[in-house]
Amino acid sequence: PGDKVLVKSLFKSGTFDPPYSPLTTVVAITRRAVLTEENQTWIHASRLKRCPTSSTLDIPSKERSTSD
């Protein structure tokens, strides 16, 4: 609980609709389903994508060049 996730849409209404809903927070978890703040029905775990946090992102540091 507390993780940020994206929920994959089952049905697209248009060609250019995004495949995932806006960011939402997990409220409860079972073995195969998740309950989120935005959707008060249980969602199968296969429809979720976990959002990376700033601590899990691997941001390369800029290489420093030295001048002679």
PDB file of N, CA and C in Angstrom:
ATOM      1  N   PRO A   1       0.822  -1.202   0.000  1.00  0.00           N
ATOM      2  CA  PRO A   1       0.000   0.000   0.000  1.00  0.00           C
ATOM      3  C   PRO A   1       0.864   1.263   0.000  1.00  0.00           C
ATOM      4  N   GLY A   2       0.372   2.262  -0.700  1.00  0.00           N
ATOM      5  CA  GLY A   2       1.101   3.517  -0.795  1.00  0.00           C
ATOM      6  C   GLY A   2       1.924   3.664  -2.055  1.00  0.00           C
ATOM      7  N   ASP A   3       2.103   2.578  -2.820  1.00  0.00           N
ATOM      8  CA  ASP A   3       2.869   2.646  -4.065  1.00  0.00           C
ATOM      9  C   ASP A   3       2.079   3.388  -5.135  1.00  0.00           C
ATOM     10  N   LYS A   4       2.790   4.074  -5.997  1.00  0.00           N
ATOM     11  CA  LYS A   4       2.174   4.757  -7.130  1.00  0.00           C
ATOM     12  C   LYS A   4       2.180   3.818  -8.330  1.00  0.00           C
ATOM     13  N   VAL A   5       1.032   3.685  -9.012  1.00  0.00           N
ATOM     14  CA  VAL A   5       0.913   2.775 -10.144  1.00  0.00           C
ATOM     15  C   VAL A   5       0.117   3.420 -11.270  1.00  0.00           C
ATOM     16  N   LEU A   6       0.271   2.844 -12.467  1.00  0.00           N
ATOM     17  CA  LEU A   6      -0.555   3.177 -13.618  1.00  0.00           C
ATOM     18  C   LEU A   6      -1.420   1.961 -13.902  1.00  0.00           C
ATOM     19  N   VAL A   7      -2.699   2.181 -14.254  1.00  0.00           N
ATOM     20  CA  VAL A   7      -3.618   1.087 -14.539  1.00  0.00           C
ATOM     21  C   VAL A   7      -3.882   1.055 -16.036  1.00  0.00           C
ATOM     22  N   LYS A   8      -3.665  -0.103 -16.650  1.00  0.00           N
ATOM     23  CA  LYS A   8      -3.887  -0.252 -18.082  1.00  0.00           C
ATOM     24  C   LYS A   8      -5.381  -0.251 -18.371  1.00  0.00           C
ATOM     25  N   SER A   9      -5.797   0.542 -19.358  1.00  0.00           N
ATOM     26  CA  SER A   9      -7.203   0.621 -19.742  1.00  0.00           C
ATOM     27  C   SER A   9      -7.610  -0.628 -20.497  1.00  0.00           C
ATOM     28  N   LEU A  10      -8.813  -1.122 -20.213  1.00  0.00           N
ATOM     29  CA  LEU A  10      -9.314  -2.297 -20.926  1.00  0.00           C
ATOM     30  C   LEU A  10      -9.837  -1.925 -22.304  1.00  0.00           C
ATOM     31  N   PHE A  11     -10.503  -0.775 -22.398  1.00  0.00           N
ATOM     32  CA  PHE A  11     -11.107  -0.358 -23.657  1.00  0.00           C
ATOM     33  C   PHE A  11     -10.632   1.042 -24.010  1.00  0.00           C
ATOM     34  N   LYS A  12     -10.251   1.229 -25.257  1.00  0.00           N
ATOM     35  CA  LYS A  12      -9.865   2.553 -25.743  1.00  0.00           C
ATOM     36  C   LYS A  12     -11.051   3.151 -26.482  1.00  0.00           C
ATOM     37  N   SER A  13     -11.341   4.419 -26.215  1.00  0.00           N
ATOM     38  CA  SER A  13     -12.442   5.073 -26.912  1.00  0.00           C
ATOM     39  C   SER A  13     -11.973   5.721 -28.208  1.00  0.00           C
ATOM     40  N   GLY A  14     -10.688   5.988 -28.325  1.00  0.00           N
ATOM     41  CA  GLY A  14     -10.150   6.613 -29.524  1.00  0.00           C
ATOM     42  C   GLY A  14      -8.792   6.048 -29.877  1.00  0.00           C
ATOM     43  N   THR A  15      -8.343   6.377 -31.068  1.00  0.00           N
ATOM     44  CA  THR A  15      -7.068   5.864 -31.562  1.00  0.00           C
ATOM     45  C   THR A  15      -5.882   6.393 -30.769  1.00  0.00           C
ATOM     46  N   PHE A  16      -5.949   7.645 -30.355  1.00  0.00           N
ATOM     47  CA  PHE A  16      -4.804   8.282 -29.714  1.00  0.00           C
ATOM     48  C   PHE A  16      -4.915   8.337 -28.194  1.00  0.00           C
ATOM     49  N   ASP A  17      -5.810   7.557 -27.614  1.00  0.00           N
ATOM     50  CA  ASP A  17      -5.931   7.516 -26.160  1.00  0.00           C
ATOM     51  C   ASP A  17      -4.730   6.792 -25.560  1.00  0.00           C
ATOM     52  N   PRO A  18      -4.239   7.263 -24.426  1.00  0.00           N
ATOM     53  CA  PRO A  18      -3.100   6.577 -23.800  1.00  0.00           C
ATOM     54  C   PRO A  18      -3.518   5.203 -23.277  1.00  0.00           C
ATOM     55  N   PRO A  19      -2.607   4.239 -23.282  1.00  0.00           N
ATOM     56  CA  PRO A  19      -2.960   2.892 -22.825  1.00  0.00           C
ATOM     57  C   PRO A  19      -3.110   2.788 -21.308  1.00  0.00           C
ATOM     58  N   TYR A  20      -2.579   3.759 -20.568  1.00  0.00           N
ATOM     59  CA  TYR A  20      -2.649   3.711 -19.110  1.00  0.00           C
ATOM     60  C   TYR A  20      -3.372   4.934 -18.564  1.00  0.00           C
ATOM     61  N   SER A  21      -4.029   4.747 -17.417  1.00  0.00           N
ATOM     62  CA  SER A  21      -4.720   5.836 -16.739  1.00  0.00           C
ATOM     63  C   SER A  21      -3.701   6.725 -16.025  1.00  0.00           C
ATOM     64  N   PRO A  22      -4.150   7.872 -15.503  1.00  0.00           N
ATOM     65  CA  PRO A  22      -3.221   8.716 -14.735  1.00  0.00           C
ATOM     66  C   PRO A  22      -2.721   8.001 -13.471  1.00  0.00           C
ATOM     67  N   LEU A  23      -1.680   8.533 -12.903  1.00  0.00           N
ATOM     68  CA  LEU A  23      -1.046   7.978 -11.712  1.00  0.00           C
ATOM     69  C   LEU A  23      -2.036   7.884 -10.554  1.00  0.00           C
ATOM     70  N   THR A  24      -2.047   6.753  -9.854  1.00  0.00           N
ATOM     71  CA  THR A  24      -2.924   6.560  -8.701  1.00  0.00           C
ATOM     72  C   THR A  24      -2.169   5.824  -7.601  1.00  0.00           C
ATOM     73  N   THR A  25      -2.716   5.835  -6.403  1.00  0.00           N
ATOM     74  CA  THR A  25      -2.063   5.233  -5.243  1.00  0.00           C
ATOM     75  C   THR A  25      -2.759   3.936  -4.841  1.00  0.00           C
ATOM     76  N   VAL A  26      -1.969   2.928  -4.493  1.00  0.00           N
ATOM     77  CA  VAL A  26      -2.503   1.635  -4.060  1.00  0.00           C
ATOM     78  C   VAL A  26      -3.005   1.754  -2.625  1.00  0.00           C
ATOM     79  N   VAL A  27      -4.225   1.214  -2.386  1.00  0.00           N
ATOM     80  CA  VAL A  27      -4.824   1.250  -1.059  1.00  0.00           C
ATOM     81  C   VAL A  27      -4.713  -0.110  -0.373  1.00  0.00           C
ATOM     82  N   ALA A  28      -5.020  -1.192  -1.124  1.00  0.00           N
ATOM     83  CA  ALA A  28      -4.982  -2.542  -0.553  1.00  0.00           C
ATOM     84  C   ALA A  28      -4.499  -3.528  -1.609  1.00  0.00           C
ATOM     85  N   ILE A  29      -3.903  -4.630  -1.147  1.00  0.00           N
ATOM     86  CA  ILE A  29      -3.338  -5.629  -2.048  1.00  0.00           C
ATOM     87  C   ILE A  29      -3.768  -7.019  -1.588  1.00  0.00           C
ATOM     88  N   THR A  30      -4.141  -7.873  -2.552  1.00  0.00           N
ATOM     89  CA  THR A  30      -4.315  -9.296  -2.284  1.00  0.00           C
ATOM     90  C   THR A  30      -3.300 -10.031  -3.143  1.00  0.00           C
ATOM     91  N   ARG A  31      -3.440 -11.323  -3.225  1.00  0.00           N
ATOM     92  CA  ARG A  31      -2.480 -12.111  -3.996  1.00  0.00           C
ATOM     93  C   ARG A  31      -2.508 -11.756  -5.486  1.00  0.00           C
ATOM     94  N   ARG A  32      -3.698 -11.491  -6.030  1.00  0.00           N
ATOM     95  CA  ARG A  32      -3.819 -11.233  -7.469  1.00  0.00           C
ATOM     96  C   ARG A  32      -4.499  -9.922  -7.823  1.00  0.00           C
ATOM     97  N   ALA A  33      -4.987  -9.197  -6.850  1.00  0.00           N
ATOM     98  CA  ALA A  33      -5.742  -7.984  -7.137  1.00  0.00           C
ATOM     99  C   ALA A  33      -5.259  -6.818  -6.280  1.00  0.00           C
ATOM    100  N   VAL A  34      -5.584  -5.621  -6.768  1.00  0.00           N
ATOM    101  CA  VAL A  34      -5.163  -4.391  -6.097  1.00  0.00           C
ATOM    102  C   VAL A  34      -6.336  -3.428  -6.068  1.00  0.00           C
ATOM    103  N   LEU A  35      -6.468  -2.701  -4.983  1.00  0.00           N
ATOM    104  CA  LEU A  35      -7.481  -1.669  -4.841  1.00  0.00           C
ATOM    105  C   LEU A  35      -6.762  -0.331  -4.844  1.00  0.00           C
ATOM    106  N   THR A  36      -7.229   0.619  -5.668  1.00  0.00           N
ATOM    107  CA  THR A  36      -6.578   1.926  -5.766  1.00  0.00           C
ATOM    108  C   THR A  36      -7.507   3.023  -5.273  1.00  0.00           C
ATOM    109  N   GLU A  37      -6.949   4.215  -5.078  1.00  0.00           N
ATOM    110  CA  GLU A  37      -7.746   5.358  -4.632  1.00  0.00           C
ATOM    111  C   GLU A  37      -8.770   5.780  -5.681  1.00  0.00           C
ATOM    112  N   GLU A  38      -8.383   5.769  -6.931  1.00  0.00           N
ATOM    113  CA  GLU A  38      -9.247   6.248  -8.008  1.00  0.00           C
ATOM    114  C   GLU A  38     -10.372   5.280  -8.349  1.00  0.00           C
ATOM    115  N   ASN A  39     -10.091   3.984  -8.295  1.00  0.00           N
ATOM    116  CA  ASN A  39     -11.055   2.975  -8.706  1.00  0.00           C
ATOM    117  C   ASN A  39     -11.386   2.107  -7.501  1.00  0.00           C
ATOM    118  N   GLN A  40     -12.624   2.130  -7.050  1.00  0.00           N
ATOM    119  CA  GLN A  40     -13.008   1.383  -5.853  1.00  0.00           C
ATOM    120  C   GLN A  40     -13.415  -0.057  -6.150  1.00  0.00           C
ATOM    121  N   THR A  41     -13.023  -0.580  -7.304  1.00  0.00           N
ATOM    122  CA  THR A  41     -13.207  -2.000  -7.603  1.00  0.00           C
ATOM    123  C   THR A  41     -11.829  -2.636  -7.679  1.00  0.00           C
ATOM    124  N   TRP A  42     -11.773  -3.938  -7.424  1.00  0.00           N
ATOM    125  CA  TRP A  42     -10.497  -4.645  -7.448  1.00  0.00           C
ATOM    126  C   TRP A  42      -9.999  -4.771  -8.878  1.00  0.00           C
ATOM    127  N   ILE A  43      -8.708  -4.561  -9.084  1.00  0.00           N
ATOM    128  CA  ILE A  43      -8.077  -4.607 -10.403  1.00  0.00           C
ATOM    129  C   ILE A  43      -7.057  -5.733 -10.392  1.00  0.00           C
ATOM    130  N   HIS A  44      -7.051  -6.547 -11.444  1.00  0.00           N
ATOM    131  CA  HIS A  44      -6.085  -7.639 -11.523  1.00  0.00           C
ATOM    132  C   HIS A  44      -4.677  -7.060 -11.622  1.00  0.00           C
ATOM    133  N   ALA A  45      -3.746  -7.698 -10.957  1.00  0.00           N
ATOM    134  CA  ALA A  45      -2.369  -7.194 -10.879  1.00  0.00           C
ATOM    135  C   ALA A  45      -1.680  -7.125 -12.238  1.00  0.00           C
ATOM    136  N   SER A  46      -2.122  -7.912 -13.212  1.00  0.00           N
ATOM    137  CA  SER A  46      -1.495  -7.891 -14.536  1.00  0.00           C
ATOM    138  C   SER A  46      -1.774  -6.594 -15.290  1.00  0.00           C
ATOM    139  N   ARG A  47      -2.753  -5.810 -14.853  1.00  0.00           N
ATOM    140  CA  ARG A  47      -3.081  -4.538 -15.505  1.00  0.00           C
ATOM    141  C   ARG A  47      -2.321  -3.358 -14.914  1.00  0.00           C
ATOM    142  N   LEU A  48      -1.437  -3.595 -13.963  1.00  0.00           N
ATOM    143  CA  LEU A  48      -0.736  -2.509 -13.284  1.00  0.00           C
ATOM    144  C   LEU A  48       0.698  -2.374 -13.756  1.00  0.00           C
ATOM    145  N   LYS A  49       1.163  -1.146 -13.720  1.00  0.00           N
ATOM    146  CA  LYS A  49       2.575  -0.854 -13.988  1.00  0.00           C
ATOM    147  C   LYS A  49       3.044   0.057 -12.859  1.00  0.00           C
ATOM    148  N   ARG A  50       4.060  -0.387 -12.156  1.00  0.00           N
ATOM    149  CA  ARG A  50       4.586   0.391 -11.040  1.00  0.00           C
ATOM    150  C   ARG A  50       5.378   1.583 -11.560  1.00  0.00           C
ATOM    151  N   CYS A  51       5.157   2.737 -10.966  1.00  0.00           N
ATOM    152  CA  CYS A  51       5.883   3.941 -11.362  1.00  0.00           C
ATOM    153  C   CYS A  51       7.213   3.997 -10.631  1.00  0.00           C
ATOM    154  N   PRO A  52       8.267   4.309 -11.354  1.00  0.00           N
ATOM    155  CA  PRO A  52       9.562   4.424 -10.686  1.00  0.00           C
ATOM    156  C   PRO A  52       9.590   5.646  -9.777  1.00  0.00           C
ATOM    157  N   THR A  53      10.244   5.507  -8.658  1.00  0.00           N
ATOM    158  CA  THR A  53      10.417   6.629  -7.750  1.00  0.00           C
ATOM    159  C   THR A  53      11.765   7.277  -8.028  1.00  0.00           C
ATOM    160  N   SER A  54      11.982   8.418  -7.468  1.00  0.00           N
ATOM    161  CA  SER A  54      13.248   9.109  -7.705  1.00  0.00           C
ATOM    162  C   SER A  54      14.430   8.330  -7.132  1.00  0.00           C
ATOM    163  N   SER A  55      14.178   7.525  -6.105  1.00  0.00           N
ATOM    164  CA  SER A  55      15.278   6.752  -5.521  1.00  0.00           C
ATOM    165  C   SER A  55      15.630   5.530  -6.362  1.00  0.00           C
ATOM    166  N   THR A  56      14.683   5.034  -7.188  1.00  0.00           N
ATOM    167  CA  THR A  56      14.965   3.856  -8.004  1.00  0.00           C
ATOM    168  C   THR A  56      15.445   4.211  -9.401  1.00  0.00           C
ATOM    169  N   LEU A  57      15.344   5.467  -9.777  1.00  0.00           N
ATOM    170  CA  LEU A  57      15.816   5.870 -11.100  1.00  0.00           C
ATOM    171  C   LEU A  57      17.335   5.895 -11.118  1.00  0.00           C
ATOM    172  N   ASP A  58      17.899   5.388 -12.176  1.00  0.00           N
ATOM    173  CA  ASP A  58      19.350   5.385 -12.326  1.00  0.00           C
ATOM    174  C   ASP A  58      19.723   6.537 -13.249  1.00  0.00           C
ATOM    175  N   ILE A  59      20.030   7.669 -12.654  1.00  0.00           N
ATOM    176  CA  ILE A  59      20.376   8.856 -13.427  1.00  0.00           C
ATOM    177  C   ILE A  59      21.894   8.967 -13.462  1.00  0.00           C
ATOM    178  N   PRO A  60      22.474   8.839 -14.654  1.00  0.00           N
ATOM    179  CA  PRO A  60      23.937   8.913 -14.729  1.00  0.00           C
ATOM    180  C   PRO A  60      24.426  10.321 -14.415  1.00  0.00           C
ATOM    181  N   SER A  61      25.532  10.386 -13.712  1.00  0.00           N
ATOM    182  CA  SER A  61      26.111  11.689 -13.406  1.00  0.00           C
ATOM    183  C   SER A  61      26.888  12.179 -14.623  1.00  0.00           C
ATOM    184  N   LYS A  62      26.957  13.478 -14.763  1.00  0.00           N
ATOM    185  CA  LYS A  62      27.676  14.051 -15.902  1.00  0.00           C
ATOM    186  C   LYS A  62      29.169  13.816 -15.731  1.00  0.00           C
ATOM    187  N   GLU A  63      29.779  13.432 -16.808  1.00  0.00           N
ATOM    188  CA  GLU A  63      31.225  13.222 -16.762  1.00  0.00           C
ATOM    189  C   GLU A  63      31.917  14.578 -16.747  1.00  0.00           C
ATOM    190  N   ARG A  64      32.846  14.695 -15.853  1.00  0.00           N
ATOM    191  CA  ARG A  64      33.579  15.954 -15.747  1.00  0.00           C
ATOM    192  C   ARG A  64      34.827  15.880 -16.607  1.00  0.00           C
ATOM    193  N   SER A  65      35.017  16.899 -17.382  1.00  0.00           N
ATOM    194  CA  SER A  65      36.234  16.944 -18.198  1.00  0.00           C
ATOM    195  C   SER A  65      37.192  17.956 -17.570  1.00  0.00           C
ATOM    196  N   THR A  66      38.434  17.597 -17.553  1.00  0.00           N
ATOM    197  CA  THR A  66      39.446  18.499 -16.999  1.00  0.00           C
ATOM    198  C   THR A  66      40.197  19.151 -18.146  1.00  0.00           C
ATOM    199  N   SER A  67      40.442  20.409 -18.010  1.00  0.00           N
ATOM    200  CA  SER A  67      41.203  21.114 -19.049  1.00  0.00           C
ATOM    201  C   SER A  67      42.650  21.260 -18.600  1.00  0.00           C
ATOM    202  N   ASP A  68      43.543  21.142 -19.535  1.00  0.00           N
ATOM    203  CA  ASP A  68      44.978  21.251 -19.230  1.00  0.00           C
ATOM    204  C   ASP A  68      45.460  22.665 -19.349  1.00  0.00           C
TER     205      ASP A  68
END
